N, C-alpha and C. Protein backbone atom coordinates (compact mmCIF):
# COMPACT_ATOMS: atom_id res chain seq x y z
N MET A 1 0.82 -1.19 0.00
CA MET A 1 0.00 0.00 0.00
C MET A 1 0.87 1.26 0.00
N ARG A 2 1.92 1.26 0.82
CA ARG A 2 2.78 2.43 0.89
C ARG A 2 3.38 2.73 -0.48
N ARG A 3 3.81 1.68 -1.18
CA ARG A 3 4.38 1.86 -2.51
C ARG A 3 3.33 2.43 -3.46
N MET A 4 2.09 1.95 -3.38
CA MET A 4 1.04 2.43 -4.26
C MET A 4 0.80 3.92 -4.03
N VAL A 5 0.73 4.34 -2.79
CA VAL A 5 0.50 5.76 -2.49
C VAL A 5 1.68 6.59 -2.94
N ALA A 6 2.89 6.11 -2.70
CA ALA A 6 4.08 6.84 -3.14
C ALA A 6 4.10 6.96 -4.65
N LEU A 7 3.76 5.90 -5.34
CA LEU A 7 3.73 5.95 -6.79
C LEU A 7 2.67 6.92 -7.28
N ALA A 8 1.55 6.95 -6.62
CA ALA A 8 0.46 7.84 -7.03
C ALA A 8 0.92 9.28 -7.03
N GLY A 9 1.61 9.68 -5.99
CA GLY A 9 2.08 11.06 -5.92
C GLY A 9 3.38 11.28 -6.64
N GLY A 10 4.18 10.24 -6.75
CA GLY A 10 5.52 10.40 -7.26
C GLY A 10 5.69 10.28 -8.74
N VAL A 11 4.99 9.39 -9.36
CA VAL A 11 5.15 9.22 -10.79
C VAL A 11 4.66 10.46 -11.52
N ALA A 12 3.78 11.20 -10.88
CA ALA A 12 3.17 12.36 -11.52
C ALA A 12 4.21 13.26 -12.17
N LEU A 13 5.19 13.67 -11.42
CA LEU A 13 6.21 14.54 -11.98
C LEU A 13 7.56 14.04 -11.52
N ALA A 14 7.89 12.86 -11.97
CA ALA A 14 9.01 12.12 -11.42
C ALA A 14 10.36 12.77 -11.64
N GLY A 15 10.57 13.49 -12.71
CA GLY A 15 11.91 13.96 -12.99
C GLY A 15 12.10 15.45 -12.90
N VAL A 16 11.34 16.14 -12.12
CA VAL A 16 11.47 17.59 -12.01
C VAL A 16 12.83 17.93 -11.44
N THR A 17 13.55 18.81 -12.10
CA THR A 17 14.86 19.20 -11.60
C THR A 17 14.69 20.21 -10.47
N LEU A 18 15.75 20.44 -9.71
CA LEU A 18 15.69 21.38 -8.59
C LEU A 18 15.26 22.76 -9.06
N ALA A 19 15.81 23.24 -10.17
CA ALA A 19 15.43 24.56 -10.66
C ALA A 19 13.95 24.61 -10.99
N GLN A 20 13.43 23.56 -11.63
CA GLN A 20 12.02 23.53 -11.96
C GLN A 20 11.18 23.45 -10.69
N ALA A 21 11.62 22.67 -9.71
CA ALA A 21 10.85 22.47 -8.48
C ALA A 21 10.65 23.80 -7.75
N GLN A 22 11.60 24.73 -7.90
CA GLN A 22 11.45 26.01 -7.24
C GLN A 22 10.37 26.87 -7.90
N ASP A 23 10.01 26.55 -9.13
CA ASP A 23 9.03 27.32 -9.87
C ASP A 23 7.63 26.74 -9.81
N VAL A 24 7.44 25.60 -9.21
CA VAL A 24 6.13 24.97 -9.17
C VAL A 24 5.48 25.20 -7.81
N PRO A 25 4.15 25.21 -7.78
CA PRO A 25 3.45 25.44 -6.50
C PRO A 25 3.48 24.22 -5.60
N HIS A 26 3.25 24.45 -4.32
CA HIS A 26 3.15 23.37 -3.33
C HIS A 26 1.81 23.49 -2.63
N GLN A 27 1.37 22.37 -2.08
CA GLN A 27 0.12 22.37 -1.34
C GLN A 27 0.22 23.25 -0.10
N ARG A 28 -0.90 23.80 0.28
CA ARG A 28 -1.03 24.59 1.51
C ARG A 28 -0.71 23.71 2.72
N VAL A 29 -0.06 24.30 3.70
CA VAL A 29 0.25 23.60 4.95
C VAL A 29 -1.05 23.26 5.67
N GLY A 30 -1.13 22.05 6.22
CA GLY A 30 -2.31 21.62 6.97
C GLY A 30 -2.73 20.22 6.61
N MET A 31 -3.97 19.88 6.97
CA MET A 31 -4.51 18.54 6.74
C MET A 31 -5.24 18.51 5.40
N TRP A 32 -4.95 17.48 4.63
CA TRP A 32 -5.57 17.27 3.32
C TRP A 32 -6.26 15.91 3.31
N ARG A 33 -7.46 15.88 2.75
CA ARG A 33 -8.15 14.61 2.52
C ARG A 33 -7.94 14.25 1.05
N THR A 34 -7.53 13.02 0.81
CA THR A 34 -7.33 12.54 -0.54
C THR A 34 -8.36 11.46 -0.83
N ASP A 35 -9.15 11.69 -1.85
CA ASP A 35 -10.10 10.70 -2.34
C ASP A 35 -9.55 10.21 -3.67
N MET A 36 -9.28 8.90 -3.74
CA MET A 36 -8.61 8.32 -4.88
C MET A 36 -9.41 7.16 -5.43
N VAL A 37 -9.41 7.04 -6.74
CA VAL A 37 -9.95 5.86 -7.41
C VAL A 37 -8.82 5.32 -8.26
N MET A 38 -8.39 4.09 -7.95
CA MET A 38 -7.30 3.46 -8.68
C MET A 38 -7.78 2.08 -9.10
N ALA A 39 -7.70 1.81 -10.38
CA ALA A 39 -8.15 0.53 -10.93
C ALA A 39 -9.59 0.23 -10.49
N GLY A 40 -10.41 1.27 -10.47
CA GLY A 40 -11.82 1.11 -10.11
C GLY A 40 -12.11 0.99 -8.63
N ARG A 41 -11.08 1.04 -7.80
CA ARG A 41 -11.26 0.89 -6.35
C ARG A 41 -11.09 2.23 -5.66
N PRO A 42 -12.13 2.68 -4.93
CA PRO A 42 -12.03 3.96 -4.22
C PRO A 42 -11.28 3.81 -2.89
N MET A 43 -10.62 4.87 -2.49
CA MET A 43 -9.92 4.90 -1.21
C MET A 43 -9.83 6.36 -0.78
N SER A 44 -9.93 6.59 0.52
CA SER A 44 -9.74 7.93 1.08
C SER A 44 -8.70 7.86 2.18
N MET A 45 -7.93 8.91 2.31
CA MET A 45 -6.94 9.01 3.38
C MET A 45 -6.75 10.47 3.73
N LYS A 46 -6.13 10.72 4.86
CA LYS A 46 -5.80 12.09 5.27
C LYS A 46 -4.30 12.19 5.41
N SER A 47 -3.75 13.35 5.07
CA SER A 47 -2.32 13.55 5.22
C SER A 47 -2.04 14.93 5.78
N CYS A 48 -1.01 14.99 6.60
CA CYS A 48 -0.56 16.23 7.21
C CYS A 48 0.61 16.77 6.38
N VAL A 49 0.48 18.00 5.94
CA VAL A 49 1.50 18.64 5.12
C VAL A 49 2.07 19.83 5.89
N ASP A 50 3.40 19.82 6.11
CA ASP A 50 4.06 21.00 6.63
C ASP A 50 4.94 21.55 5.50
N GLU A 51 5.64 22.66 5.73
CA GLU A 51 6.42 23.27 4.66
C GLU A 51 7.48 22.32 4.12
N ALA A 52 8.17 21.62 5.00
CA ALA A 52 9.23 20.72 4.56
C ALA A 52 8.68 19.55 3.76
N SER A 53 7.62 18.92 4.25
CA SER A 53 7.07 17.78 3.52
C SER A 53 6.42 18.23 2.21
N ALA A 54 5.87 19.43 2.16
CA ALA A 54 5.29 19.94 0.92
C ALA A 54 6.37 20.06 -0.15
N ALA A 55 7.54 20.53 0.24
CA ALA A 55 8.63 20.68 -0.73
C ALA A 55 9.17 19.33 -1.19
N ARG A 56 9.24 18.36 -0.27
CA ARG A 56 9.82 17.06 -0.61
C ARG A 56 8.84 16.08 -1.23
N MET A 57 7.55 16.21 -0.90
CA MET A 57 6.61 15.16 -1.26
C MET A 57 5.43 15.63 -2.09
N SER A 58 5.47 16.81 -2.62
CA SER A 58 4.34 17.30 -3.39
C SER A 58 4.18 16.49 -4.67
N VAL A 59 3.15 16.80 -5.42
CA VAL A 59 2.96 16.13 -6.70
C VAL A 59 4.10 16.44 -7.66
N PHE A 60 4.96 17.41 -7.32
CA PHE A 60 6.07 17.78 -8.17
C PHE A 60 7.42 17.23 -7.71
N SER A 61 7.44 16.56 -6.58
CA SER A 61 8.70 15.99 -6.10
C SER A 61 8.38 14.80 -5.21
N SER A 62 9.18 13.74 -5.35
CA SER A 62 8.85 12.53 -4.62
C SER A 62 10.06 11.62 -4.47
N ALA A 63 9.95 10.74 -3.52
CA ALA A 63 10.98 9.71 -3.33
C ALA A 63 11.11 8.84 -4.56
N VAL A 64 10.04 8.70 -5.33
CA VAL A 64 10.09 7.86 -6.52
C VAL A 64 11.15 8.34 -7.48
N ARG A 65 11.26 9.67 -7.66
CA ARG A 65 12.26 10.16 -8.61
C ARG A 65 13.67 9.97 -8.08
N ARG A 66 13.82 9.91 -6.75
CA ARG A 66 15.14 9.77 -6.16
C ARG A 66 15.68 8.35 -6.30
N ASN A 67 14.85 7.41 -6.72
CA ASN A 67 15.34 6.04 -6.84
C ASN A 67 16.18 5.84 -8.09
N GLY A 68 16.26 6.86 -8.95
CA GLY A 68 17.10 6.79 -10.12
C GLY A 68 16.49 6.03 -11.28
N ASN A 69 15.30 5.51 -11.13
CA ASN A 69 14.68 4.72 -12.18
C ASN A 69 13.70 5.52 -13.02
N CYS A 70 13.55 6.80 -12.72
CA CYS A 70 12.58 7.62 -13.44
C CYS A 70 13.29 8.76 -14.14
N LYS A 71 12.71 9.15 -15.25
CA LYS A 71 13.21 10.32 -15.96
C LYS A 71 12.01 11.10 -16.45
N GLN A 72 12.18 12.39 -16.51
CA GLN A 72 11.10 13.24 -17.00
C GLN A 72 11.23 13.38 -18.50
N LEU A 73 10.13 13.30 -19.16
CA LEU A 73 10.12 13.55 -20.59
C LEU A 73 9.60 14.95 -20.90
N GLN A 74 8.56 15.38 -20.17
CA GLN A 74 7.99 16.69 -20.44
C GLN A 74 7.23 17.20 -19.22
N LEU A 75 7.47 18.45 -18.85
CA LEU A 75 6.72 19.13 -17.80
C LEU A 75 6.17 20.41 -18.40
N SER A 76 4.86 20.59 -18.33
CA SER A 76 4.23 21.76 -18.95
C SER A 76 3.31 22.47 -17.96
N HIS A 77 3.43 23.78 -17.89
CA HIS A 77 2.47 24.60 -17.18
C HIS A 77 1.55 25.16 -18.25
N ASN A 78 0.33 24.68 -18.28
CA ASN A 78 -0.61 24.97 -19.35
C ASN A 78 -1.24 26.35 -19.20
N PRO A 79 -1.72 26.95 -20.30
CA PRO A 79 -2.34 28.28 -20.25
C PRO A 79 -3.50 28.39 -19.27
N ASP A 80 -4.22 27.29 -19.02
CA ASP A 80 -5.36 27.34 -18.09
C ASP A 80 -4.92 27.23 -16.63
N GLY A 81 -3.60 27.16 -16.38
CA GLY A 81 -3.08 27.07 -15.01
C GLY A 81 -2.81 25.65 -14.56
N SER A 82 -3.26 24.66 -15.31
CA SER A 82 -3.01 23.27 -14.94
C SER A 82 -1.58 22.88 -15.32
N TRP A 83 -1.17 21.72 -14.87
CA TRP A 83 0.16 21.19 -15.15
C TRP A 83 0.01 19.82 -15.80
N THR A 84 0.92 19.49 -16.70
CA THR A 84 0.96 18.17 -17.32
C THR A 84 2.39 17.68 -17.28
N ASN A 85 2.55 16.42 -16.94
CA ASN A 85 3.86 15.79 -16.97
C ASN A 85 3.75 14.43 -17.62
N VAL A 86 4.69 14.15 -18.48
CA VAL A 86 4.82 12.81 -19.03
C VAL A 86 6.18 12.32 -18.58
N SER A 87 6.19 11.24 -17.82
CA SER A 87 7.44 10.70 -17.29
C SER A 87 7.52 9.22 -17.58
N SER A 88 8.73 8.71 -17.52
CA SER A 88 8.97 7.30 -17.80
C SER A 88 9.80 6.72 -16.67
N CYS A 89 9.34 5.59 -16.12
CA CYS A 89 10.04 4.94 -15.01
C CYS A 89 10.28 3.47 -15.33
N GLU A 90 11.44 2.99 -14.95
CA GLU A 90 11.76 1.57 -15.09
C GLU A 90 11.49 0.92 -13.74
N PHE A 91 10.46 0.07 -13.67
CA PHE A 91 10.05 -0.55 -12.42
C PHE A 91 10.76 -1.86 -12.15
N ARG A 92 11.25 -2.50 -13.19
CA ARG A 92 12.14 -3.65 -13.06
C ARG A 92 12.98 -3.67 -14.32
N PRO A 93 14.14 -4.31 -14.29
CA PRO A 93 15.05 -4.25 -15.44
C PRO A 93 14.35 -4.56 -16.76
N GLY A 94 14.47 -3.61 -17.67
CA GLY A 94 13.91 -3.79 -19.00
C GLY A 94 12.43 -3.49 -19.13
N VAL A 95 11.75 -3.13 -18.03
CA VAL A 95 10.32 -2.83 -18.08
C VAL A 95 10.12 -1.37 -17.71
N GLU A 96 9.89 -0.55 -18.73
CA GLU A 96 9.70 0.88 -18.53
C GLU A 96 8.23 1.22 -18.79
N ARG A 97 7.71 2.14 -17.99
CA ARG A 97 6.31 2.54 -18.12
C ARG A 97 6.25 4.07 -18.24
N THR A 98 5.56 4.54 -19.25
CA THR A 98 5.39 5.97 -19.45
C THR A 98 4.01 6.36 -18.95
N THR A 99 3.96 7.42 -18.15
CA THR A 99 2.73 7.85 -17.50
C THR A 99 2.52 9.34 -17.74
N ARG A 100 1.27 9.71 -17.97
CA ARG A 100 0.90 11.12 -18.08
C ARG A 100 0.08 11.49 -16.85
N ALA A 101 0.44 12.60 -16.22
CA ALA A 101 -0.31 13.12 -15.08
C ALA A 101 -0.78 14.52 -15.42
N ASP A 102 -2.07 14.76 -15.22
CA ASP A 102 -2.65 16.09 -15.40
C ASP A 102 -3.11 16.57 -14.03
N ILE A 103 -2.65 17.75 -13.63
CA ILE A 103 -2.93 18.28 -12.29
C ILE A 103 -3.58 19.65 -12.46
N SER A 104 -4.74 19.81 -11.82
CA SER A 104 -5.44 21.08 -11.92
C SER A 104 -6.00 21.44 -10.55
N GLY A 105 -6.34 22.70 -10.40
CA GLY A 105 -6.96 23.15 -9.16
C GLY A 105 -6.15 24.21 -8.47
N ASP A 106 -6.55 24.48 -7.25
CA ASP A 106 -5.96 25.51 -6.41
C ASP A 106 -5.14 24.82 -5.33
N PHE A 107 -3.85 25.05 -5.31
CA PHE A 107 -2.97 24.38 -4.36
C PHE A 107 -3.23 24.81 -2.91
N ASN A 108 -4.14 25.75 -2.71
CA ASN A 108 -4.53 26.17 -1.37
C ASN A 108 -5.76 25.45 -0.86
N SER A 109 -6.59 24.90 -1.76
CA SER A 109 -7.84 24.32 -1.28
C SER A 109 -8.23 22.99 -1.92
N ARG A 110 -7.98 22.81 -3.21
CA ARG A 110 -8.44 21.58 -3.87
C ARG A 110 -7.64 21.34 -5.15
N LEU A 111 -7.16 20.11 -5.29
CA LEU A 111 -6.40 19.68 -6.46
C LEU A 111 -7.00 18.41 -7.02
N THR A 112 -6.90 18.25 -8.31
CA THR A 112 -7.28 16.99 -8.93
C THR A 112 -6.12 16.54 -9.80
N MET A 113 -5.75 15.27 -9.67
CA MET A 113 -4.70 14.70 -10.49
C MET A 113 -5.25 13.45 -11.15
N THR A 114 -5.07 13.37 -12.46
CA THR A 114 -5.48 12.20 -13.22
C THR A 114 -4.24 11.62 -13.87
N MET A 115 -4.06 10.31 -13.71
CA MET A 115 -2.90 9.63 -14.30
C MET A 115 -3.37 8.58 -15.28
N ARG A 116 -2.61 8.47 -16.37
CA ARG A 116 -2.90 7.46 -17.38
C ARG A 116 -1.59 6.89 -17.93
N SER A 117 -1.61 5.63 -18.23
CA SER A 117 -0.45 4.97 -18.80
C SER A 117 -0.94 3.87 -19.73
N PRO A 118 -0.63 3.93 -21.00
CA PRO A 118 0.16 4.95 -21.68
C PRO A 118 -0.54 6.31 -21.67
N PRO A 119 0.21 7.35 -22.06
CA PRO A 119 -0.31 8.71 -21.93
C PRO A 119 -1.64 9.00 -22.62
N THR A 120 -2.04 8.21 -23.61
CA THR A 120 -3.30 8.47 -24.32
C THR A 120 -4.42 7.54 -23.87
N ALA A 121 -4.17 6.69 -22.89
CA ALA A 121 -5.17 5.73 -22.42
C ALA A 121 -6.19 6.42 -21.50
N PRO A 122 -7.31 5.75 -21.23
CA PRO A 122 -8.24 6.29 -20.24
C PRO A 122 -7.55 6.37 -18.87
N PRO A 123 -8.03 7.25 -17.98
CA PRO A 123 -7.40 7.40 -16.66
C PRO A 123 -7.37 6.08 -15.88
N GLU A 124 -6.20 5.80 -15.28
CA GLU A 124 -6.04 4.64 -14.39
C GLU A 124 -6.26 5.03 -12.95
N MET A 125 -6.00 6.30 -12.66
CA MET A 125 -6.13 6.78 -11.29
C MET A 125 -6.55 8.24 -11.31
N THR A 126 -7.47 8.58 -10.43
CA THR A 126 -7.85 9.97 -10.23
C THR A 126 -7.80 10.25 -8.74
N MET A 127 -7.14 11.33 -8.38
CA MET A 127 -7.04 11.76 -6.99
C MET A 127 -7.60 13.16 -6.86
N THR A 128 -8.41 13.37 -5.85
CA THR A 128 -8.86 14.71 -5.51
C THR A 128 -8.39 14.98 -4.10
N MET A 129 -7.60 16.02 -3.93
CA MET A 129 -7.05 16.38 -2.63
C MET A 129 -7.72 17.67 -2.18
N THR A 130 -8.30 17.65 -0.99
CA THR A 130 -9.05 18.79 -0.47
C THR A 130 -8.48 19.20 0.88
N TRP A 131 -8.15 20.49 1.02
CA TRP A 131 -7.62 21.01 2.30
C TRP A 131 -8.77 21.05 3.29
N ILE A 132 -8.55 20.49 4.50
CA ILE A 132 -9.63 20.44 5.48
C ILE A 132 -9.32 21.19 6.78
N GLY A 133 -8.14 21.79 6.90
CA GLY A 133 -7.81 22.57 8.09
C GLY A 133 -6.42 22.26 8.61
N ALA A 134 -6.21 22.58 9.86
CA ALA A 134 -4.92 22.34 10.50
C ALA A 134 -4.69 20.84 10.69
N CYS A 135 -3.44 20.43 10.77
CA CYS A 135 -3.12 19.03 11.04
C CYS A 135 -3.66 18.65 12.42
N GLU A 136 -4.08 17.41 12.55
CA GLU A 136 -4.60 16.93 13.82
C GLU A 136 -3.49 16.85 14.85
N ALA A 137 -3.84 16.97 16.11
CA ALA A 137 -2.87 16.88 17.20
C ALA A 137 -2.10 15.57 17.09
N GLY A 138 -0.80 15.64 17.30
CA GLY A 138 0.04 14.45 17.26
C GLY A 138 0.52 14.08 15.87
N MET A 139 0.11 14.81 14.84
CA MET A 139 0.56 14.50 13.48
C MET A 139 1.66 15.46 13.09
N ARG A 140 2.57 14.98 12.26
CA ARG A 140 3.66 15.80 11.75
C ARG A 140 3.68 15.70 10.23
N GLY A 141 4.38 16.60 9.59
CA GLY A 141 4.46 16.61 8.14
C GLY A 141 4.84 15.26 7.58
N GLY A 142 4.10 14.79 6.60
CA GLY A 142 4.35 13.50 5.97
C GLY A 142 3.50 12.38 6.53
N ASP A 143 2.85 12.62 7.69
CA ASP A 143 1.98 11.57 8.26
C ASP A 143 0.75 11.39 7.39
N VAL A 144 0.39 10.13 7.17
CA VAL A 144 -0.79 9.77 6.40
C VAL A 144 -1.62 8.82 7.25
N VAL A 145 -2.93 9.07 7.33
CA VAL A 145 -3.84 8.17 8.02
C VAL A 145 -4.63 7.42 6.95
N MET A 146 -4.42 6.11 6.91
CA MET A 146 -5.06 5.25 5.91
C MET A 146 -6.52 4.99 6.30
N PRO A 147 -7.31 4.44 5.37
CA PRO A 147 -8.74 4.19 5.65
C PRO A 147 -8.99 3.31 6.88
N ASN A 148 -8.06 2.41 7.18
CA ASN A 148 -8.24 1.53 8.34
C ASN A 148 -7.75 2.16 9.64
N GLY A 149 -7.35 3.44 9.59
CA GLY A 149 -6.88 4.14 10.78
C GLY A 149 -5.39 4.04 11.01
N MET A 150 -4.69 3.20 10.26
CA MET A 150 -3.25 3.07 10.41
C MET A 150 -2.57 4.36 9.98
N LYS A 151 -1.60 4.83 10.80
CA LYS A 151 -0.86 6.04 10.50
C LYS A 151 0.57 5.67 10.15
N MET A 152 1.09 6.28 9.08
CA MET A 152 2.49 6.08 8.71
C MET A 152 3.03 7.39 8.16
N ASN A 153 4.32 7.54 8.18
CA ASN A 153 4.92 8.74 7.65
C ASN A 153 5.56 8.41 6.29
N MET A 154 5.15 9.15 5.28
CA MET A 154 5.61 8.91 3.91
C MET A 154 6.81 9.75 3.53
N ASP A 155 7.23 10.67 4.40
CA ASP A 155 8.38 11.53 4.10
C ASP A 155 9.65 10.72 4.28
N PRO A 156 10.41 10.52 3.20
CA PRO A 156 11.61 9.66 3.28
C PRO A 156 12.69 10.21 4.20
N THR A 157 12.66 11.49 4.53
CA THR A 157 13.67 12.06 5.42
C THR A 157 13.23 12.10 6.87
N ALA A 158 12.01 11.69 7.15
CA ALA A 158 11.48 11.77 8.51
C ALA A 158 11.81 10.56 9.36
N HIS A 159 12.44 9.57 8.82
CA HIS A 159 12.67 8.32 9.56
C HIS A 159 13.99 8.31 10.26
């Protein structure tokens, strides 16, 4: 499950360079509810975002790109304010997958990300992230509460 969630956020813009990452928006600090449909299966979770985790784990930067198996093919800031990324990742030797992620919305209140692979296929995953307020007591940046109540920290530098 952890890998699936990391891939959901990470493949989106897997190869953004540091210079590009400074030019892209980050989610508002606080608690976000994520409603996701992946392979026809719905799931909801909550995550706590602080400034540090927003910079490291946003839809524009992820541990997935740090594994060295992903490269960016194209990152576009579209005229309507949305973002599109087409990236390619090798998940096992000789097996590369190209994914298109379209991200739209307001990084302060609500975002929608749709992913498809190959880039022209119907969506495989849709995520809607909605800001719901301050992080809950006892939560720190990168903490995610899964549907079953299990809490884990997805920030690779927080361990």
